[in-house]
Amino acid sequence: MDDEEYNPEFSSRAVLVAVMVCLIVVAHVFMWFSDMPQDLKITFTILNIVGWTIVLMPILLVDKWLNAIQNRNNDE
C-alpha cells in the first residue's frame, strides 16, 4: 500500500461504521430471540431501518459529493 493511498481518516470511519452496524445487528438478534410479540418486533425493526436510513444516507451522499469535488479539484 502506498503512502498516498492510505487514508487513516477513512480507516477510522470504516471501523466506526462497522462497529455501529455490528452493535445494531446484535441488538436486533437479541430482540428477535426475546419473548416480545411478533408484530412489535417487526414494528421496531422497520422503525430502526427507517431511522438509520434517514440519519446515514445524507452523510454518505455528502461524503460522495465531497470526494467528487476533491477529485475534480485535484484534476485541475
Protein backbone atom coordinates (compact mmCIF):
# COMPACT_ATOMS: atom_id res chain seq x y z
CA MET A 1 0.00 0.00 0.00
CA ASP A 2 1.45 3.38 -0.99
CA ASP A 3 1.54 6.23 1.49
CA GLU A 4 -0.60 8.29 -0.88
CA GLU A 5 -3.38 5.67 -0.93
CA TYR A 6 -3.52 5.16 2.85
CA ASN A 7 -6.05 7.43 4.46
CA PRO A 8 -6.23 6.98 8.26
CA GLU A 9 -9.37 9.10 8.44
CA PHE A 10 -11.18 6.71 6.08
CA SER A 11 -9.91 3.72 8.02
CA SER A 12 -11.19 5.04 11.35
CA ARG A 13 -14.56 5.92 9.78
CA ALA A 14 -14.86 2.46 8.29
CA VAL A 15 -14.13 0.86 11.66
CA LEU A 16 -16.66 3.11 13.38
CA VAL A 17 -19.37 2.26 10.85
CA ALA A 18 -18.56 -1.45 11.09
CA VAL A 19 -18.80 -1.38 14.89
CA MET A 20 -22.11 0.50 14.75
CA VAL A 21 -23.57 -1.97 12.26
CA CYS A 22 -22.42 -4.92 14.39
CA LEU A 23 -23.98 -3.44 17.53
CA ILE A 24 -27.26 -2.78 15.72
CA VAL A 25 -27.36 -6.31 14.33
CA VAL A 26 -26.58 -7.83 17.75
CA ALA A 27 -29.33 -5.74 19.35
CA HIS A 28 -31.81 -6.94 16.75
CA VAL A 29 -30.77 -10.56 17.18
CA PHE A 30 -31.38 -10.32 20.93
CA MET A 31 -34.69 -8.57 20.30
CA TRP A 32 -35.83 -11.29 17.87
CA PHE A 33 -34.93 -14.03 20.38
CA SER A 34 -36.82 -12.27 23.17
CA ASP A 35 -40.41 -13.02 24.14
CA MET A 36 -41.83 -9.81 22.64
CA PRO A 37 -44.90 -10.14 20.43
CA GLN A 38 -44.05 -10.73 16.77
CA ASP A 39 -45.81 -7.61 15.50
CA LEU A 40 -43.88 -5.42 17.96
CA LYS A 41 -40.57 -6.93 16.77
CA ILE A 42 -41.46 -6.16 13.17
CA THR A 43 -42.51 -2.60 14.07
CA PHE A 44 -39.27 -1.90 15.96
CA THR A 45 -37.19 -3.38 13.14
CA ILE A 46 -38.90 -1.24 10.49
CA LEU A 47 -38.61 1.90 12.63
CA ASN A 48 -34.92 1.21 13.15
CA ILE A 49 -34.30 0.69 9.43
CA VAL A 50 -36.11 3.90 8.52
CA GLY A 51 -34.40 5.87 11.28
CA TRP A 52 -30.88 4.77 10.36
CA THR A 53 -31.60 5.37 6.67
CA ILE A 54 -32.71 8.93 7.41
CA VAL A 55 -29.59 9.51 9.53
CA LEU A 56 -26.93 7.80 7.42
CA MET A 57 -27.99 8.42 3.82
CA PRO A 58 -27.38 12.20 3.86
CA ILE A 59 -23.99 11.62 5.49
CA LEU A 60 -22.97 9.08 2.86
CA LEU A 61 -24.27 11.18 -0.02
CA VAL A 62 -22.49 14.33 1.17
CA ASP A 63 -19.29 12.29 1.59
CA LYS A 64 -19.57 11.03 -2.01
CA TRP A 65 -20.25 14.56 -3.24
CA LEU A 66 -17.24 15.93 -1.32
CA ASN A 67 -14.97 13.21 -2.76
CA ALA A 68 -16.16 14.06 -6.27
CA ILE A 69 -15.40 17.76 -5.67
CA GLN A 70 -11.94 16.95 -4.30
CA ASN A 71 -11.17 14.65 -7.22
CA ARG A 72 -12.27 17.34 -9.67
CA ASN A 73 -10.06 19.91 -7.93
CA ASN A 74 -7.08 17.53 -7.99
CA ASP A 75 -7.51 17.03 -11.75
CA GLU A 76 -7.35 20.76 -12.43
